[in-house]
N, C-alpha and C. Protein backbone atom coordinates (compact mmCIF):
# COMPACT_ATOMS: atom_id res chain seq x y z
N MET A 1 -26.45 18.94 30.09
CA MET A 1 -26.22 19.74 31.08
C MET A 1 -24.99 18.64 31.84
N SER A 2 -24.48 18.82 32.81
CA SER A 2 -24.27 17.84 33.76
C SER A 2 -25.12 17.10 34.51
N SER A 3 -24.17 16.00 34.90
CA SER A 3 -24.97 15.53 35.96
C SER A 3 -24.95 15.78 37.40
N ALA A 4 -23.60 16.77 37.75
CA ALA A 4 -23.70 17.42 38.54
C ALA A 4 -24.89 18.55 39.32
N SER A 5 -24.31 19.47 38.09
CA SER A 5 -25.66 20.06 37.96
C SER A 5 -27.22 19.77 38.31
N SER A 6 -27.45 18.98 37.42
CA SER A 6 -29.26 18.58 37.62
C SER A 6 -29.31 18.05 39.41
N GLU A 7 -27.79 17.53 39.73
CA GLU A 7 -27.86 16.82 41.31
C GLU A 7 -28.13 18.22 42.02
N SER A 8 -27.12 18.94 41.39
CA SER A 8 -27.38 20.84 42.84
C SER A 8 -29.13 21.03 42.02
N ALA A 9 -29.35 21.04 41.11
CA ALA A 9 -30.86 21.85 41.20
C ALA A 9 -32.38 20.51 41.77
N GLY A 10 -31.94 19.50 41.71
CA GLY A 10 -32.62 18.78 42.73
C GLY A 10 -32.62 19.19 43.99
N LYS A 11 -31.18 19.09 44.57
CA LYS A 11 -31.33 19.29 46.14
C LYS A 11 -32.12 20.65 46.65
N LYS A 12 -31.68 21.83 45.63
CA LYS A 12 -32.56 22.80 45.64
C LYS A 12 -34.18 22.59 45.54
N ARG A 13 -34.28 21.87 45.10
CA ARG A 13 -35.90 22.09 44.89
C ARG A 13 -36.61 21.08 45.97
N ARG A 14 -35.76 20.07 46.66
CA ARG A 14 -35.89 19.10 47.54
C ARG A 14 -36.11 19.75 48.87
N ASN A 15 -34.65 20.89 48.80
CA ASN A 15 -34.60 21.94 50.02
C ASN A 15 -36.01 22.82 50.18
N ILE A 16 -36.71 23.17 49.08
CA ILE A 16 -37.76 24.32 48.91
C ILE A 16 -38.99 23.31 48.75
N LEU A 17 -39.31 22.46 49.05
CA LEU A 17 -40.00 21.35 49.27
C LEU A 17 -40.25 21.29 50.92
N VAL A 18 -39.42 21.05 51.10
CA VAL A 18 -39.26 20.97 52.61
C VAL A 18 -39.33 22.13 53.39
N LEU A 19 -39.07 22.84 53.26
CA LEU A 19 -39.32 24.20 53.70
C LEU A 19 -40.77 24.94 53.31
N LEU A 20 -41.29 24.12 52.22
CA LEU A 20 -42.73 24.95 52.85
C LEU A 20 -43.53 24.83 53.61
N PRO A 21 -43.45 23.94 54.12
CA PRO A 21 -44.89 23.66 55.46
C PRO A 21 -44.10 24.70 56.64
N LEU A 22 -42.97 24.49 56.64
CA LEU A 22 -42.69 25.73 57.88
C LEU A 22 -43.06 26.96 57.07
N ILE A 23 -42.81 27.31 55.94
CA ILE A 23 -43.11 28.62 55.58
C ILE A 23 -44.84 28.78 55.73
N ALA A 24 -45.34 27.88 55.13
CA ALA A 24 -47.27 28.06 55.56
C ALA A 24 -47.58 27.43 56.72
N PHE A 25 -46.90 27.54 58.29
CA PHE A 25 -47.02 27.35 59.47
C PHE A 25 -46.76 29.07 59.79
N ILE A 26 -45.37 29.49 59.32
CA ILE A 26 -45.62 31.00 60.19
C ILE A 26 -46.33 31.58 59.89
N ALA A 27 -46.72 31.91 57.97
CA ALA A 27 -47.66 32.07 57.27
C ALA A 27 -48.97 32.45 58.12
N LEU A 28 -49.67 31.41 58.82
CA LEU A 28 -50.75 30.89 59.40
C LEU A 28 -50.69 31.40 60.88
N ALA A 29 -49.25 31.26 61.63
CA ALA A 29 -49.16 31.87 62.96
C ALA A 29 -49.18 33.07 63.23
N ALA A 30 -48.93 34.33 61.71
CA ALA A 30 -48.73 35.21 61.75
C ALA A 30 -49.99 35.78 61.69
N LEU A 31 -50.81 35.07 61.07
CA LEU A 31 -52.23 35.96 60.92
C LEU A 31 -53.28 35.36 61.63
N PHE A 32 -53.00 34.18 62.09
CA PHE A 32 -53.78 34.01 63.66
C PHE A 32 -53.38 35.02 64.76
N LEU A 33 -52.11 35.12 65.00
CA LEU A 33 -51.30 36.70 65.90
C LEU A 33 -51.81 38.01 65.96
N VAL A 34 -52.24 38.28 64.88
CA VAL A 34 -52.75 39.72 63.94
C VAL A 34 -53.98 39.53 64.53
N ARG A 35 -54.90 38.76 64.16
CA ARG A 35 -55.96 38.73 64.47
C ARG A 35 -56.89 38.69 66.02
N LEU A 36 -55.73 37.96 66.42
CA LEU A 36 -55.65 37.84 68.28
C LEU A 36 -55.28 39.48 68.47
N TRP A 37 -54.55 40.25 68.22
CA TRP A 37 -54.24 41.27 68.57
C TRP A 37 -55.25 42.73 68.27
N SER A 38 -55.48 42.66 67.32
CA SER A 38 -55.93 43.51 66.76
C SER A 38 -57.32 43.89 67.22
N GLY A 39 -58.02 42.78 67.56
CA GLY A 39 -59.91 43.26 68.05
C GLY A 39 -59.57 43.50 69.62
N ASP A 40 -60.74 44.38 70.45
CA ASP A 40 -61.17 44.34 71.55
C ASP A 40 -61.65 43.09 72.51
N PRO A 41 -60.96 42.70 73.30
CA PRO A 41 -60.98 41.66 73.94
C PRO A 41 -62.22 41.76 74.60
N SER A 42 -62.53 42.84 74.94
CA SER A 42 -63.97 42.92 75.76
C SER A 42 -65.01 43.14 74.83
N HIS A 43 -65.25 42.61 73.31
CA HIS A 43 -66.14 43.15 72.56
C HIS A 43 -66.07 41.80 71.87
N LEU A 44 -66.45 40.47 72.40
CA LEU A 44 -66.60 40.23 71.30
C LEU A 44 -68.05 39.40 71.11
N PRO A 45 -68.17 39.08 69.80
CA PRO A 45 -69.54 38.96 68.93
C PRO A 45 -70.64 38.57 69.77
N SER A 46 -71.30 38.95 69.95
CA SER A 46 -73.05 37.81 70.36
C SER A 46 -74.24 37.67 69.57
N ALA A 47 -74.45 36.86 69.38
CA ALA A 47 -75.48 36.38 68.19
C ALA A 47 -77.00 36.95 68.56
N LEU A 48 -76.88 37.37 70.39
CA LEU A 48 -78.09 37.82 71.08
C LEU A 48 -78.12 39.58 70.91
N ILE A 49 -77.33 39.97 70.03
CA ILE A 49 -77.47 41.46 69.90
C ILE A 49 -78.83 41.88 69.14
N GLY A 50 -79.95 42.46 69.36
CA GLY A 50 -80.92 42.47 68.70
C GLY A 50 -82.00 41.82 68.50
N ARG A 51 -81.71 40.66 69.72
CA ARG A 51 -82.91 39.56 69.92
C ARG A 51 -83.44 39.69 70.79
N PRO A 52 -84.55 39.48 71.69
CA PRO A 52 -85.20 39.33 72.79
C PRO A 52 -84.07 38.52 73.66
N ALA A 53 -83.60 39.33 75.11
CA ALA A 53 -83.05 38.45 76.26
C ALA A 53 -84.18 36.97 76.51
N PRO A 54 -83.04 35.92 76.46
CA PRO A 54 -83.46 34.93 76.59
C PRO A 54 -84.40 34.62 78.30
N PRO A 55 -84.92 33.58 77.99
CA PRO A 55 -86.03 33.05 79.35
C PRO A 55 -85.33 32.96 80.56
N THR A 56 -85.60 33.85 81.37
CA THR A 56 -85.15 34.32 82.43
C THR A 56 -85.74 34.10 83.70
N ASP A 57 -85.86 33.08 84.52
CA ASP A 57 -86.48 32.84 85.66
C ASP A 57 -85.12 32.36 86.56
N LEU A 58 -85.19 33.36 87.48
CA LEU A 58 -83.84 32.92 88.75
C LEU A 58 -84.44 33.30 89.92
N PRO A 59 -84.38 32.32 90.97
CA PRO A 59 -84.82 32.86 92.37
C PRO A 59 -83.99 34.16 93.16
N PRO A 60 -84.40 34.67 93.69
CA PRO A 60 -84.05 35.76 94.59
C PRO A 60 -82.29 34.48 95.55
N LEU A 61 -81.50 35.71 95.76
CA LEU A 61 -80.46 35.43 96.43
C LEU A 61 -80.88 34.88 97.72
N ALA A 62 -80.84 33.72 98.70
CA ALA A 62 -81.48 33.37 99.95
C ALA A 62 -81.28 34.50 100.96
N GLY A 63 -81.73 35.36 101.89
CA GLY A 63 -81.43 36.03 102.89
C GLY A 63 -80.59 37.49 102.39
N LEU A 64 -80.65 37.81 100.75
CA LEU A 64 -80.24 38.97 100.94
C LEU A 64 -81.15 39.89 100.96
N GLU A 65 -81.53 41.06 101.77
CA GLU A 65 -82.09 42.39 101.91
C GLU A 65 -81.51 43.78 101.43
N ARG A 66 -82.47 44.67 101.45
CA ARG A 66 -82.39 45.77 101.34
C ARG A 66 -83.73 46.74 101.92
N GLY A 67 -83.30 47.62 102.88
CA GLY A 67 -83.98 48.15 103.68
C GLY A 67 -85.05 47.36 104.25
N GLY A 68 -84.61 46.38 104.69
CA GLY A 68 -85.23 45.61 105.94
C GLY A 68 -86.23 44.48 104.86
N LYS A 69 -86.09 44.36 103.56
CA LYS A 69 -87.18 43.54 102.47
C LYS A 69 -86.50 43.05 101.90
N ALA A 70 -86.44 41.59 101.65
CA ALA A 70 -86.32 40.92 100.60
C ALA A 70 -85.97 41.19 99.11
N MET A 71 -84.41 41.31 98.87
CA MET A 71 -84.14 41.24 97.61
C MET A 71 -84.96 40.36 96.25
N PRO A 72 -85.58 41.16 95.52
CA PRO A 72 -86.13 39.77 94.52
C PRO A 72 -85.28 39.28 93.36
N GLY A 73 -86.10 38.35 92.87
CA GLY A 73 -84.88 36.75 91.86
C GLY A 73 -84.89 38.08 90.43
N LEU A 74 -84.70 37.34 89.43
CA LEU A 74 -84.92 37.93 88.32
C LEU A 74 -85.80 37.39 87.21
N SER A 75 -86.70 37.94 86.34
CA SER A 75 -87.14 37.39 85.45
C SER A 75 -87.01 38.52 84.33
N ASN A 76 -88.12 37.98 83.51
CA ASN A 76 -87.91 38.87 82.09
C ASN A 76 -88.81 39.84 82.33
N ALA A 77 -89.73 39.77 83.07
CA ALA A 77 -90.14 41.61 83.43
C ALA A 77 -89.93 42.01 83.56
N ALA A 78 -88.64 41.79 84.76
CA ALA A 78 -87.46 43.11 84.91
C ALA A 78 -86.58 43.74 83.39
N PHE A 79 -87.10 43.28 82.60
CA PHE A 79 -86.47 43.79 80.86
C PHE A 79 -87.52 45.14 80.04
N GLN A 80 -88.72 44.86 81.13
CA GLN A 80 -89.56 45.80 79.83
C GLN A 80 -89.53 47.50 80.46
N GLY A 81 -89.89 48.05 79.61
CA GLY A 81 -90.16 49.21 80.64
C GLY A 81 -88.99 50.43 80.83
N GLU A 82 -88.20 50.11 80.87
CA GLU A 82 -86.77 50.81 81.14
C GLU A 82 -85.55 50.28 80.47
N VAL A 83 -84.37 50.78 80.53
CA VAL A 83 -82.64 50.12 80.22
C VAL A 83 -82.18 49.60 81.36
N THR A 84 -81.88 48.42 81.11
CA THR A 84 -81.36 47.62 82.16
C THR A 84 -80.36 47.04 81.92
N LEU A 85 -79.26 47.16 82.68
CA LEU A 85 -77.99 47.03 82.67
C LEU A 85 -77.59 45.53 83.69
N VAL A 86 -77.52 44.08 82.83
CA VAL A 86 -77.54 42.45 83.55
C VAL A 86 -76.17 42.23 83.87
N ASN A 87 -75.66 42.48 84.57
CA ASN A 87 -74.82 42.18 85.33
C ASN A 87 -74.35 40.64 85.31
N VAL A 88 -73.39 39.54 84.84
CA VAL A 88 -73.40 38.48 85.75
C VAL A 88 -72.29 38.57 86.33
N TRP A 89 -72.07 38.20 87.49
CA TRP A 89 -70.95 38.02 88.23
C TRP A 89 -71.05 36.73 89.42
N ALA A 90 -69.90 36.60 90.31
CA ALA A 90 -69.75 35.76 90.87
C ALA A 90 -68.51 35.81 92.21
N SER A 91 -69.06 35.44 93.30
CA SER A 91 -67.89 35.68 94.83
C SER A 91 -66.48 34.91 94.49
N TRP A 92 -66.15 34.62 93.70
CA TRP A 92 -65.07 33.97 93.69
C TRP A 92 -64.27 34.51 91.99
N CYS A 93 -64.62 35.38 91.63
CA CYS A 93 -64.27 36.09 90.48
C CYS A 93 -63.42 37.33 90.80
N VAL A 94 -62.32 37.59 91.19
CA VAL A 94 -61.48 38.41 91.19
C VAL A 94 -61.76 39.97 90.62
N PRO A 95 -61.98 40.04 89.23
CA PRO A 95 -62.15 41.27 88.81
C PRO A 95 -63.99 41.86 89.05
N CYS A 96 -64.67 40.66 89.48
CA CYS A 96 -66.06 41.04 89.92
C CYS A 96 -66.41 42.44 90.85
N ALA A 97 -65.50 42.14 92.00
CA ALA A 97 -65.03 42.80 93.17
C ALA A 97 -64.20 44.09 92.64
N ASP A 98 -63.33 43.93 91.53
CA ASP A 98 -62.43 45.55 91.16
C ASP A 98 -64.04 46.10 90.60
N GLU A 99 -65.48 46.01 89.95
CA GLU A 99 -65.82 46.58 89.11
C GLU A 99 -66.74 46.84 90.08
N VAL A 100 -67.04 46.74 91.33
CA VAL A 100 -68.00 47.13 92.29
C VAL A 100 -68.41 48.55 92.16
N PRO A 101 -67.16 49.51 92.45
CA PRO A 101 -67.46 50.89 92.61
C PRO A 101 -67.87 51.45 90.89
N PHE A 102 -67.62 50.99 89.80
CA PHE A 102 -67.98 51.53 88.83
C PHE A 102 -69.71 50.78 88.61
N LEU A 103 -70.32 50.01 89.15
CA LEU A 103 -71.15 49.42 89.30
C LEU A 103 -72.36 50.22 90.16
N GLU A 104 -71.71 50.52 91.22
CA GLU A 104 -72.33 51.89 92.16
C GLU A 104 -72.75 52.54 91.79
N LYS A 105 -71.87 53.20 90.40
CA LYS A 105 -72.12 54.30 90.04
C LYS A 105 -72.76 54.16 89.27
N LEU A 106 -73.04 53.18 88.65
CA LEU A 106 -74.22 53.18 86.96
C LEU A 106 -75.82 52.99 88.05
N SER A 107 -75.66 52.03 89.26
CA SER A 107 -77.06 52.13 89.70
C SER A 107 -77.84 52.88 90.25
N ALA A 108 -76.88 54.09 90.46
CA ALA A 108 -77.31 55.57 91.00
C ALA A 108 -78.19 56.00 89.95
N ASP A 109 -77.59 55.91 88.53
CA ASP A 109 -78.25 56.92 87.41
C ASP A 109 -80.02 56.33 86.94
N LYS A 110 -80.85 57.03 87.70
CA LYS A 110 -82.34 56.81 87.60
C LYS A 110 -82.85 56.18 86.23
N ARG A 111 -81.42 56.91 85.01
CA ARG A 111 -82.40 56.31 83.91
C ARG A 111 -82.78 54.44 83.87
N ILE A 112 -82.18 53.97 84.46
CA ILE A 112 -81.59 52.78 84.10
C ILE A 112 -81.94 51.91 85.62
N LYS A 113 -81.32 50.46 85.14
CA LYS A 113 -82.08 49.34 86.03
C LYS A 113 -80.99 48.96 86.22
N LEU A 114 -80.17 48.36 87.49
CA LEU A 114 -78.70 47.36 87.17
C LEU A 114 -79.44 46.30 88.16
N VAL A 115 -79.28 45.29 87.40
CA VAL A 115 -79.47 43.81 88.23
C VAL A 115 -78.27 42.53 87.58
N GLY A 116 -78.35 41.63 88.64
CA GLY A 116 -77.55 40.97 88.87
C GLY A 116 -77.52 39.33 88.49
N ILE A 117 -76.77 38.85 87.57
CA ILE A 117 -77.22 37.11 87.72
C ILE A 117 -75.85 36.86 88.62
N ASN A 118 -76.45 35.92 89.62
CA ASN A 118 -74.85 35.47 90.29
C ASN A 118 -74.53 34.10 89.95
N TYR A 119 -73.77 33.49 89.13
CA TYR A 119 -73.15 32.88 88.90
C TYR A 119 -72.25 31.63 89.59
N LYS A 120 -73.07 29.94 89.56
CA LYS A 120 -72.40 29.29 90.12
C LYS A 120 -71.80 29.52 91.36
N ASP A 121 -72.75 30.11 92.40
CA ASP A 121 -71.64 30.56 93.82
C ASP A 121 -72.79 30.05 94.89
N PRO A 122 -72.29 29.49 95.95
CA PRO A 122 -73.19 28.80 97.15
C PRO A 122 -73.25 31.17 97.31
N SER A 123 -74.85 30.32 98.16
CA SER A 123 -75.47 32.09 98.71
C SER A 123 -74.82 33.03 99.83
N ASP A 124 -74.21 31.47 100.33
CA ASP A 124 -73.48 32.08 101.57
C ASP A 124 -72.26 33.14 100.98
N ASN A 125 -71.57 32.24 100.16
CA ASN A 125 -70.40 32.94 99.68
C ASN A 125 -70.91 34.32 98.65
N ALA A 126 -72.05 34.18 97.89
CA ALA A 126 -72.62 35.06 97.27
C ALA A 126 -72.92 36.20 98.25
N ARG A 127 -74.06 35.99 99.60
CA ARG A 127 -74.32 37.54 100.41
C ARG A 127 -72.58 37.75 101.20
N ARG A 128 -72.03 37.22 101.61
CA ARG A 128 -70.40 37.91 101.92
C ARG A 128 -70.00 38.86 100.97
N PHE A 129 -70.01 38.00 100.00
CA PHE A 129 -69.54 38.87 98.54
C PHE A 129 -69.82 40.30 98.81
N LEU A 130 -71.71 40.55 98.58
CA LEU A 130 -72.21 41.10 98.98
C LEU A 130 -71.97 42.15 99.33
N ASN A 131 -71.98 41.74 100.71
CA ASN A 131 -72.23 42.91 102.02
C ASN A 131 -70.58 43.41 102.58
N ARG A 132 -69.22 43.06 101.55
CA ARG A 132 -68.28 42.82 102.23
C ARG A 132 -67.65 44.16 100.93
N TYR A 133 -68.12 43.88 99.67
CA TYR A 133 -68.14 45.13 98.57
C TYR A 133 -69.44 46.28 98.09
N GLY A 134 -70.43 45.59 98.44
CA GLY A 134 -71.53 46.74 98.46
C GLY A 134 -72.53 45.92 97.36
N ASN A 135 -73.50 45.87 97.15
CA ASN A 135 -74.73 45.48 96.93
C ASN A 135 -75.51 46.99 95.68
N PRO A 136 -74.74 46.49 94.57
CA PRO A 136 -75.02 47.92 93.40
C PRO A 136 -76.21 47.42 93.08
N PHE A 137 -77.04 46.20 93.04
CA PHE A 137 -78.44 45.70 92.38
C PHE A 137 -79.80 45.75 92.83
N ALA A 138 -80.81 46.27 92.17
CA ALA A 138 -82.05 46.17 91.81
C ALA A 138 -82.50 44.91 92.45
N ALA A 139 -82.04 43.95 91.21
CA ALA A 139 -82.68 42.27 91.63
C ALA A 139 -81.31 42.03 91.94
N VAL A 140 -80.90 40.73 92.52
CA VAL A 140 -80.19 39.25 91.77
C VAL A 140 -80.73 38.22 92.21
N GLY A 141 -80.57 37.66 90.78
CA GLY A 141 -81.22 36.20 90.59
C GLY A 141 -80.23 34.97 90.51
N VAL A 142 -80.04 33.90 91.26
CA VAL A 142 -79.23 32.66 91.45
C VAL A 142 -79.59 32.32 90.38
N ASP A 143 -78.27 31.75 89.39
CA ASP A 143 -77.88 30.70 88.26
C ASP A 143 -77.06 29.61 88.74
N ALA A 144 -77.99 28.80 89.60
CA ALA A 144 -76.96 27.80 90.03
C ALA A 144 -75.97 26.77 89.69
N SER A 145 -76.92 26.62 88.14
CA SER A 145 -76.68 25.76 87.53
C SER A 145 -75.76 25.91 86.49
N GLY A 146 -75.69 27.20 86.26
CA GLY A 146 -75.29 28.27 84.59
C GLY A 146 -76.04 28.30 84.00
N ARG A 147 -77.17 27.36 83.38
CA ARG A 147 -77.88 26.94 82.25
C ARG A 147 -78.71 28.56 82.09
N THR A 148 -78.83 28.98 82.38
CA THR A 148 -79.64 30.54 82.29
C THR A 148 -78.69 31.14 82.15
N SER A 149 -77.65 31.35 82.62
CA SER A 149 -76.07 32.54 81.84
C SER A 149 -75.82 32.14 80.40
N ILE A 150 -75.74 30.81 79.82
CA ILE A 150 -75.15 29.55 78.67
C ILE A 150 -76.34 30.14 77.62
N ASP A 151 -77.33 29.94 78.71
CA ASP A 151 -78.41 31.24 77.28
C ASP A 151 -78.50 32.51 76.99
N TRP A 152 -77.78 32.65 77.80
CA TRP A 152 -77.49 34.67 77.49
C TRP A 152 -75.86 34.47 76.75
N GLY A 153 -74.96 33.50 76.69
CA GLY A 153 -73.85 33.35 75.83
C GLY A 153 -72.59 34.00 76.84
N VAL A 154 -72.76 34.13 77.72
CA VAL A 154 -72.20 34.56 78.93
C VAL A 154 -70.54 33.04 78.21
N TYR A 155 -69.40 33.83 78.01
CA TYR A 155 -67.77 32.95 78.69
C TYR A 155 -67.36 32.90 79.36
N GLY A 156 -67.88 34.08 80.44
CA GLY A 156 -67.14 34.08 81.61
C GLY A 156 -67.59 35.34 82.08
N VAL A 157 -67.33 34.84 83.89
CA VAL A 157 -67.81 36.39 84.57
C VAL A 157 -66.82 36.99 84.89
N PRO A 158 -66.95 38.51 84.95
CA PRO A 158 -67.97 39.26 84.51
C PRO A 158 -68.61 39.76 83.20
N GLU A 159 -69.46 39.58 82.70
CA GLU A 159 -70.06 40.13 81.43
C GLU A 159 -71.36 40.94 82.15
N THR A 160 -71.69 42.24 81.30
CA THR A 160 -72.25 42.70 81.69
C THR A 160 -73.17 43.21 79.74
N TYR A 161 -74.49 43.36 79.94
CA TYR A 161 -75.68 43.54 79.08
C TYR A 161 -76.30 44.59 78.87
N VAL A 162 -76.47 45.59 78.28
CA VAL A 162 -77.81 46.60 77.99
C VAL A 162 -78.72 45.80 77.64
N VAL A 163 -79.84 45.86 78.41
CA VAL A 163 -81.02 45.96 77.33
C VAL A 163 -81.95 46.85 77.39
N GLY A 164 -82.42 46.58 76.47
CA GLY A 164 -83.60 48.44 76.05
C GLY A 164 -84.84 48.00 76.80
N ARG A 165 -85.71 48.96 76.95
CA ARG A 165 -87.28 48.91 76.82
C ARG A 165 -87.93 47.97 76.93
N ASP A 166 -87.96 47.08 75.70
CA ASP A 166 -88.94 46.38 74.97
C ASP A 166 -87.89 45.26 75.07
N GLY A 167 -86.95 44.60 76.07
CA GLY A 167 -86.17 43.50 76.44
C GLY A 167 -85.42 42.58 75.45
N THR A 168 -84.88 43.86 74.44
CA THR A 168 -84.14 43.24 73.47
C THR A 168 -82.26 43.35 74.20
N ILE A 169 -81.57 42.79 73.54
CA ILE A 169 -80.23 43.23 73.76
C ILE A 169 -79.65 43.54 72.94
N ALA A 170 -79.06 45.06 73.54
CA ALA A 170 -78.53 45.98 72.51
C ALA A 170 -76.85 46.11 72.49
N TYR A 171 -76.28 45.78 73.48
CA TYR A 171 -75.15 45.47 73.48
C TYR A 171 -74.24 44.70 74.96
N LYS A 172 -73.13 43.58 74.74
CA LYS A 172 -72.30 43.32 75.57
C LYS A 172 -71.01 43.42 76.19
N LEU A 173 -71.07 43.54 76.80
CA LEU A 173 -69.41 43.88 77.64
C LEU A 173 -68.63 42.32 77.96
N VAL A 174 -67.56 42.15 77.08
CA VAL A 174 -66.80 40.77 78.32
C VAL A 174 -65.92 41.09 78.82
N GLY A 175 -65.91 41.02 80.55
CA GLY A 175 -65.07 41.99 81.33
C GLY A 175 -65.44 42.60 82.46
N PRO A 176 -64.29 42.80 83.30
CA PRO A 176 -65.24 44.14 84.12
C PRO A 176 -65.39 45.41 83.65
N VAL A 177 -66.26 46.13 83.97
CA VAL A 177 -66.78 47.19 83.89
C VAL A 177 -65.63 48.37 84.38
N THR A 178 -64.97 49.02 83.94
CA THR A 178 -63.72 50.09 84.32
C THR A 178 -63.92 51.43 84.24
N ALA A 179 -63.58 52.29 84.59
CA ALA A 179 -63.55 53.85 84.23
C ALA A 179 -63.17 53.31 82.85
N GLU A 180 -62.40 53.11 82.00
CA GLU A 180 -62.19 53.79 81.14
C GLU A 180 -63.54 53.06 79.84
N ASN A 181 -63.95 52.18 80.13
CA ASN A 181 -65.15 51.30 79.43
C ASN A 181 -66.24 51.67 79.42
N LEU A 182 -66.47 52.27 80.73
CA LEU A 182 -67.72 53.17 81.74
C LEU A 182 -67.99 53.94 80.67
N ALA A 183 -66.77 54.81 80.79
CA ALA A 183 -66.76 56.34 79.88
C ALA A 183 -67.18 55.82 78.47
N GLN A 184 -66.36 55.37 77.80
CA GLN A 184 -66.24 55.56 76.48
C GLN A 184 -67.54 54.29 75.33
N VAL A 185 -67.45 53.04 76.38
CA VAL A 185 -68.32 52.35 75.71
C VAL A 185 -70.19 52.08 76.33
N ILE A 186 -69.90 51.89 77.66
CA ILE A 186 -71.12 51.38 78.64
C ILE A 186 -71.52 52.77 78.21
N GLU A 187 -71.45 54.01 79.01
CA GLU A 187 -72.63 55.15 79.07
C GLU A 187 -72.94 55.42 77.43
N PRO A 188 -72.27 55.19 76.04
CA PRO A 188 -73.07 55.55 75.05
C PRO A 188 -73.55 54.86 74.40
N GLU A 189 -73.78 53.68 75.10
CA GLU A 189 -74.75 52.57 74.87
C GLU A 189 -76.12 52.93 75.65
N ILE A 190 -75.78 53.07 76.56
CA ILE A 190 -77.12 53.44 77.39
C ILE A 190 -77.85 54.70 76.99
N VAL A 191 -77.31 55.72 76.53
CA VAL A 191 -77.53 56.98 75.72
C VAL A 191 -78.43 56.35 74.63
N LYS A 192 -77.58 55.33 73.88
CA LYS A 192 -78.33 54.65 71.98
C LYS A 192 -79.73 54.08 72.67
N ALA A 193 -80.03 53.31 73.74
CA ALA A 193 -80.37 52.15 74.24
C ALA A 193 -81.59 53.55 74.91
N LEU A 194 -81.97 53.97 75.54
CA LEU A 194 -82.84 55.21 75.67
C LEU A 194 -83.53 56.36 75.02
N LYS A 195 -82.99 56.45 73.93
CA LYS A 195 -83.35 56.80 72.80
C LYS A 195 -85.00 55.89 72.17
N PRO A 196 -86.34 56.91 71.63
CA PRO A 196 -87.05 56.06 71.77
C PRO A 196 -87.04 55.71 69.75
């Protein structure tokens, strides 16, 4: 074998070795993108599904009234005996305003109770938000520090949880309630939670 052909073979091997990291990077990037785009981003896994709702003892939103009476805050007692939807929201959250009409529809459903956790929001802003867009909640607890929301596994607002009659979390929706996920996901999850 001539020295020219062995030099040529050596160059080819070096070129292949140089390209291997690039090929590995492209393969990993492709795998990452496929995983990112293949799932439903509104349904992130939650370790709390099937477990009791975390300890929740939130004060009421000061000055919030319905029918001339102060609205209650939120505690674990609210999750016992009936299916409860827990919506985590904030006045500074644009999608939270967009979902209010769908929350109003849910609040009219007598089979369930809809409650809210107001996340890291000044009370005046939260009251103005509810006065402007509507108040679909039977109770609103104020999570000023965000600690309770962390215990619930909140990624960001809005998020909505379906809690069964026994206080167990049955489902978690990340993102706003929309016409599509209301019909295709939330209502079927409510029906499942209503079954004895």
